[in-house]
Protein backbone atom coordinates (compact mmCIF):
# COMPACT_ATOMS: atom_id res chain seq x y z
CA MET A 1 179.75 43.33 84.76
CA PRO A 2 177.44 43.04 81.88
CA ASP A 3 177.39 46.17 79.92
CA ALA A 4 174.71 48.62 80.78
CA VAL A 5 174.06 49.93 77.22
CA GLY A 6 173.90 46.43 75.49
CA LEU A 7 171.83 45.67 78.42
CA LEU A 8 169.21 48.69 77.36
CA GLY A 9 169.29 47.29 73.36
CA ASP A 10 168.09 43.79 74.20
CA PHE A 11 165.19 45.06 76.21
CA VAL A 12 164.28 47.83 73.44
CA ARG A 13 164.71 45.35 71.48
CA SER A 14 162.57 43.58 73.43
CA LEU A 15 159.64 46.07 72.98
CA ALA A 16 158.68 45.67 69.80
CA THR A 17 155.32 47.39 68.77
CA ILE A 18 152.76 45.85 66.82
CA ASP A 19 149.68 47.82 66.42
CA GLN A 20 148.74 51.86 66.94
CA GLY A 21 144.95 50.58 66.67
CA TRP A 22 142.04 52.79 67.24
CA ASP A 23 141.31 51.81 70.70
CA SER A 24 144.51 50.59 71.94
CA ASP A 25 148.22 50.58 71.34
CA ALA A 26 149.59 46.73 71.79
CA TRP A 27 153.72 45.67 71.98
CA ILE A 28 155.55 42.43 72.78
CA ASP A 29 157.59 42.18 76.19
CA GLY A 30 159.42 38.59 75.34
CA ARG A 31 156.54 36.14 75.84
CA TRP A 32 153.78 38.96 76.28
CA ILE A 33 151.66 41.23 74.50
CA HIS A 34 150.82 43.95 76.24
CA ARG A 35 147.47 46.62 75.50
CA SER A 36 147.44 49.44 76.71
CA PRO A 37 144.17 51.92 75.85
CA ARG A 38 144.21 55.17 73.58
CA ARG A 39 141.07 57.04 75.00
CA PRO A 40 139.42 57.35 78.20
CA GLU A 41 136.51 55.35 77.31
CA VAL A 42 138.01 52.08 75.97
CA ARG A 43 140.16 51.59 79.32
CA PRO A 44 137.14 49.74 81.18
CA ARG A 45 136.34 48.15 78.25
CA LEU A 46 139.97 47.07 78.03
CA LEU A 47 140.18 46.63 81.50
CA ALA A 48 137.10 43.91 81.49
CA GLU A 49 138.42 41.50 79.94
CA ALA A 50 140.41 40.17 82.37
CA THR A 51 137.28 39.38 84.25
CA LEU A 52 135.87 38.24 81.15
CA LEU A 53 138.47 35.50 79.29
CA PRO A 54 139.50 33.63 82.03
CA TRP A 55 135.66 32.68 82.91
CA LEU A 56 134.72 32.11 79.06
CA ALA A 57 138.17 30.18 77.88
CA PRO A 58 137.09 26.52 78.80
CA GLN A 59 134.09 26.76 77.80
CA LEU A 60 135.43 26.98 74.43
CA PRO A 61 137.22 24.68 71.44
CA LEU A 62 139.52 27.21 70.17
CA PRO A 63 142.49 29.38 72.15
CA VAL A 64 141.57 32.83 73.56
CA PRO A 65 143.81 35.00 75.35
CA VAL A 66 143.89 34.74 79.48
CA PRO A 67 144.99 38.77 79.62
CA GLU A 68 146.05 39.53 83.92
CA LEU A 69 146.14 43.36 84.83
CA THR A 70 148.94 45.43 85.13
CA ASP A 71 149.41 49.28 85.91
CA ASN A 72 148.45 50.84 82.50
CA GLY A 73 145.81 48.40 80.83
CA VAL A 74 146.30 44.01 79.97
CA ARG A 75 148.81 42.01 79.27
CA HIS A 76 148.18 38.11 78.01
CA LEU A 77 151.04 35.04 77.03
CA MET A 78 151.17 35.16 73.22
CA LEU A 79 149.32 32.84 71.11
CA PRO A 80 151.03 31.12 68.02
CA GLY A 81 149.95 31.80 64.93
CA SER A 82 149.31 34.56 62.21
CA PRO A 83 146.68 36.05 61.10
CA PHE A 84 143.98 34.34 58.55
CA THR A 85 144.60 34.86 54.89
CA ASP A 86 143.27 31.55 53.78
CA GLY A 87 141.57 28.53 54.73
CA GLY A 88 138.96 25.97 53.66
CA THR A 89 136.09 23.81 55.06
CA ALA A 90 137.81 22.14 57.55
CA THR A 91 138.46 26.33 58.82
CA GLY A 92 135.33 26.93 58.95
CA ARG A 93 133.81 23.86 60.65
CA GLU A 94 136.60 24.77 63.66
CA LEU A 95 135.25 28.25 63.52
CA GLY A 96 131.36 27.03 63.09
CA ALA A 97 132.24 25.16 66.07
CA PHE A 98 134.07 27.70 68.26
CA LEU A 99 130.81 30.31 67.42
CA LYS A 100 128.20 28.01 68.38
CA ALA A 101 130.04 27.54 71.32
CA LEU A 102 130.65 31.64 72.22
CA HIS A 103 126.77 32.29 71.49
CA ALA A 104 125.42 29.49 74.19
CA VAL A 105 126.96 30.44 76.63
CA ASP A 106 124.92 32.68 80.24
CA PRO A 107 124.07 36.15 78.84
CA VAL A 108 123.75 36.65 82.92
CA GLU A 109 127.35 35.11 83.83
CA ALA A 110 128.82 36.81 80.53
CA VAL A 111 127.77 40.37 81.55
CA ALA A 112 128.72 39.79 85.69
CA ARG A 113 131.94 39.02 84.48
CA GLY A 114 132.40 42.10 82.62
CA ALA A 115 129.99 41.88 79.12
CA LEU A 116 128.72 45.29 78.17
CA ASP A 117 125.02 44.86 78.98
CA ALA A 118 122.40 44.94 76.13
CA ALA A 119 120.59 47.98 77.77
CA THR A 120 123.96 50.36 78.02
CA ALA A 121 125.27 48.63 74.26
CA ASP A 122 121.79 49.53 72.80
CA ALA A 123 122.32 52.94 74.15
CA GLU A 124 125.65 53.53 72.99
CA LYS A 125 124.96 52.05 69.41
CA ALA A 126 121.85 54.59 69.02
CA VAL A 127 124.36 57.50 69.19
CA PHE A 128 125.77 55.70 66.32
CA LEU A 129 123.34 55.09 64.44
CA LYS A 130 121.31 58.86 65.41
CA GLU A 131 124.32 60.53 63.91
CA CYS A 132 124.80 58.13 60.80
CA LYS A 133 121.37 58.57 59.86
CA THR A 134 122.61 62.76 60.22
CA GLN A 135 125.85 62.66 59.18
CA VAL A 136 126.32 60.07 56.71
CA VAL A 137 122.71 59.89 54.89
CA PRO A 138 122.66 63.02 53.94
CA LEU A 139 125.70 62.99 51.96
CA LEU A 140 124.15 59.88 49.69
CA PRO A 141 122.16 60.84 46.92
CA SER A 142 118.74 60.92 47.20
CA GLU A 143 117.49 58.29 45.98
CA ARG A 144 119.49 56.06 47.76
CA ARG A 145 118.34 57.40 51.32
CA GLY A 146 115.43 55.60 51.74
CA ARG A 147 117.03 52.03 51.46
CA ALA A 148 120.36 53.73 54.06
CA LEU A 149 117.57 54.10 56.39
CA ASP A 150 115.58 50.90 56.00
CA LEU A 151 119.28 49.20 56.99
CA LEU A 152 120.25 51.58 60.05
CA ASP A 153 116.63 50.60 61.31
CA ARG A 154 117.27 46.99 60.72
CA VAL A 155 120.47 46.50 62.45
CA ALA A 156 119.52 47.28 66.19
CA ASN A 157 116.65 45.03 67.12
CA VAL A 158 118.44 41.75 68.12
CA ARG A 159 121.01 40.83 71.45
CA THR A 160 120.64 37.84 72.95
CA SER A 161 124.60 36.53 72.87
CA LEU A 162 127.63 37.11 74.60
CA ILE A 163 129.14 37.54 70.84
CA HIS A 164 133.03 39.19 69.58
CA CYS A 165 131.68 41.86 67.85
CA ASP A 166 134.57 42.82 66.07
CA LEU A 167 135.20 39.27 64.33
CA GLY A 168 137.07 39.47 60.97
CA PRO A 169 140.40 37.55 59.02
CA ASP A 170 142.68 40.28 61.77
CA HIS A 171 141.29 38.61 64.43
CA VAL A 172 141.64 35.15 63.61
CA LEU A 173 144.95 33.21 63.97
CA MET A 174 146.28 30.37 61.84
CA ALA A 175 149.30 27.92 61.87
CA ASP A 176 149.70 24.86 59.65
CA GLY A 177 146.18 25.26 58.51
CA GLN A 178 144.12 25.07 62.10
CA ILE A 179 142.89 27.95 63.68
CA THR A 180 145.25 29.02 66.88
CA GLY A 181 143.36 31.18 68.86
CA ILE A 182 140.41 34.43 68.47
CA ILE A 183 141.30 37.57 69.61
CA ASP A 184 140.98 41.02 70.36
CA TRP A 185 138.17 41.33 73.50
CA THR A 186 137.72 44.23 73.18
CA ASP A 187 134.40 44.62 72.44
CA ALA A 188 132.73 41.75 73.70
CA VAL A 189 128.98 42.92 74.20
CA ILE A 190 125.58 41.25 74.46
CA GLY A 191 124.07 41.52 71.33
CA ASP A 192 123.23 39.92 67.13
CA PRO A 193 124.79 36.56 66.75
CA ALA A 194 124.40 37.46 63.23
CA LEU A 195 127.48 40.00 63.77
CA ASP A 196 130.01 37.31 64.44
CA LEU A 197 128.60 35.43 61.50
CA CYS A 198 129.16 38.90 59.10
CA TRP A 199 132.94 37.89 57.91
CA PRO A 200 132.65 34.39 57.31
CA LEU A 201 129.00 34.57 56.13
CA ASN A 202 130.10 37.55 53.16
CA GLY A 203 133.34 37.73 53.29
CA ALA A 204 135.54 34.37 54.03
CA PRO A 205 136.67 32.05 51.39
CA GLU A 206 133.47 30.30 50.23
CA ALA A 207 135.03 26.56 51.46
CA LEU A 208 135.18 28.14 55.08
CA ARG A 209 131.56 29.56 54.38
CA THR A 210 130.44 25.82 53.49
CA GLY A 211 131.97 23.95 56.71
CA LEU A 212 130.91 27.10 59.17
CA ILE A 213 127.13 26.80 57.79
CA GLU A 214 127.74 22.71 58.31
CA VAL A 215 128.47 23.03 61.85
CA TYR A 216 126.67 26.05 63.08
CA GLU A 217 123.71 26.09 61.21
CA PRO A 218 121.86 29.64 60.82
CA THR A 219 118.84 30.33 60.56
CA SER A 220 117.63 32.19 57.35
CA ASP A 221 116.78 34.94 59.47
CA GLN A 222 120.32 34.70 61.62
CA VAL A 223 122.16 34.68 57.29
CA GLU A 224 119.87 37.89 56.22
CA ARG A 225 121.24 39.70 58.94
CA ALA A 226 124.74 39.17 58.60
CA GLU A 227 124.34 40.47 55.37
CA ASP A 228 123.03 43.45 56.69
CA TRP A 229 125.86 43.68 58.75
CA ALA A 230 128.23 43.64 56.05
CA ARG A 231 126.13 45.83 54.18
CA LEU A 232 126.75 48.40 57.49
CA SER A 233 130.33 47.60 57.83
CA PRO A 234 131.37 50.65 55.49
CA TRP A 235 129.41 53.47 57.60
CA TYR A 236 131.58 52.99 60.92
CA GLY A 237 134.72 54.62 58.24
CA VAL A 238 132.70 57.21 57.23
CA HIS A 239 131.67 57.73 60.62
CA ARG A 240 135.34 58.13 61.79
CA GLY A 241 136.35 59.88 58.29
CA LEU A 242 134.19 62.85 59.82
CA LEU A 243 135.41 62.42 63.27
CA LEU A 244 138.82 62.86 62.42
CA ASP A 245 138.37 64.78 59.23
CA LEU A 246 139.92 62.15 57.10
CA PRO A 247 138.11 63.28 53.53
CA ASP A 248 139.71 60.69 51.40
CA ASP A 249 138.21 57.81 53.73
CA VAL A 250 134.92 59.78 53.65
CA THR A 251 134.70 60.02 50.17
CA ASN A 252 135.57 56.10 49.64
CA GLY A 253 133.99 55.06 52.18
CA LEU A 254 130.32 56.41 50.84
CA GLN A 255 131.36 54.48 47.81
CA ASP A 256 131.17 51.92 49.79
CA ILE A 257 128.34 52.23 50.92
CA LEU A 258 126.57 53.19 48.03
CA ASN A 259 127.93 49.67 46.12
CA ARG A 260 126.78 47.23 49.03
CA LEU A 261 122.95 49.12 49.53
C-alpha cells in the first residue's frame, strides 16, 4: 500500500508557486501552469484567454499558451524556455514577424473571441488617465506639468489592432537563442500597435531593435508613439503606489517620470 504521507509530499512538491502578480496567482502542477485571478475584475479577462488564444495560436509564427478552463481560472501546458535576458538581430526578426502577424489579425473576430473591445478599453483607459492627471501630475514640479499633461493626452488616441498590451522581457520565453513562446495574454485588447513596440524599440538590446525594425518596418509615427508609451510606463507604478500606499514606489516612480519627460 502506498505511503499516504509520501504521496502527499510528492503532491505538494508538484504545486510550485511561480508568481504572485498584481492580477493573477500562478503555480505549476506537473506539466501544467495554473492561473487564478487575484481580484474579481481580473476574472473575465483571464477566462477570455481560453477562447481567444486557441483561435489566435494558429495565426502566429511563435508559440503562445493555449489555455483551458478550470474551476478557479485557467491552465495551460508549460512552454519551454526562460524569460528573455539577451538577444540579437535574429531574435528581433522573430519578434518582428510575430508582432506583424499579431497586428494583422481581424480585430472584429478577436473581440468575438474574447479580446477587450476598443470602446471598453477606452473607457478604462480614460479612468486611469484622469486619475493620473488629478493625482500624479500635482506631485510633479509645476514647470514639468504641462509636458506631463501633453503626454497623457497623446497616448489614448489610436486603437486599430489586437495587441498583447504587456509585451516585455518577462513575457518573452527563450531557449538556445530562440524565442520559444509569448506568454501572459490577460491584457489582450484592441489598441495601439505601438504599445507592443514600446519595449523592443526602447528597452531591448540595440541588435534586437535592428532586427525587429527590419521585419516589422514600423512607421515614423509608430516609433514616436512607442517612445510615448515608454514615457508613460512609470506612471503605472506611481498610480499603483498611491492606490496601495507604497510611498517608496511613488517617490522612485516620480523621479522616473521626470527622467523620461
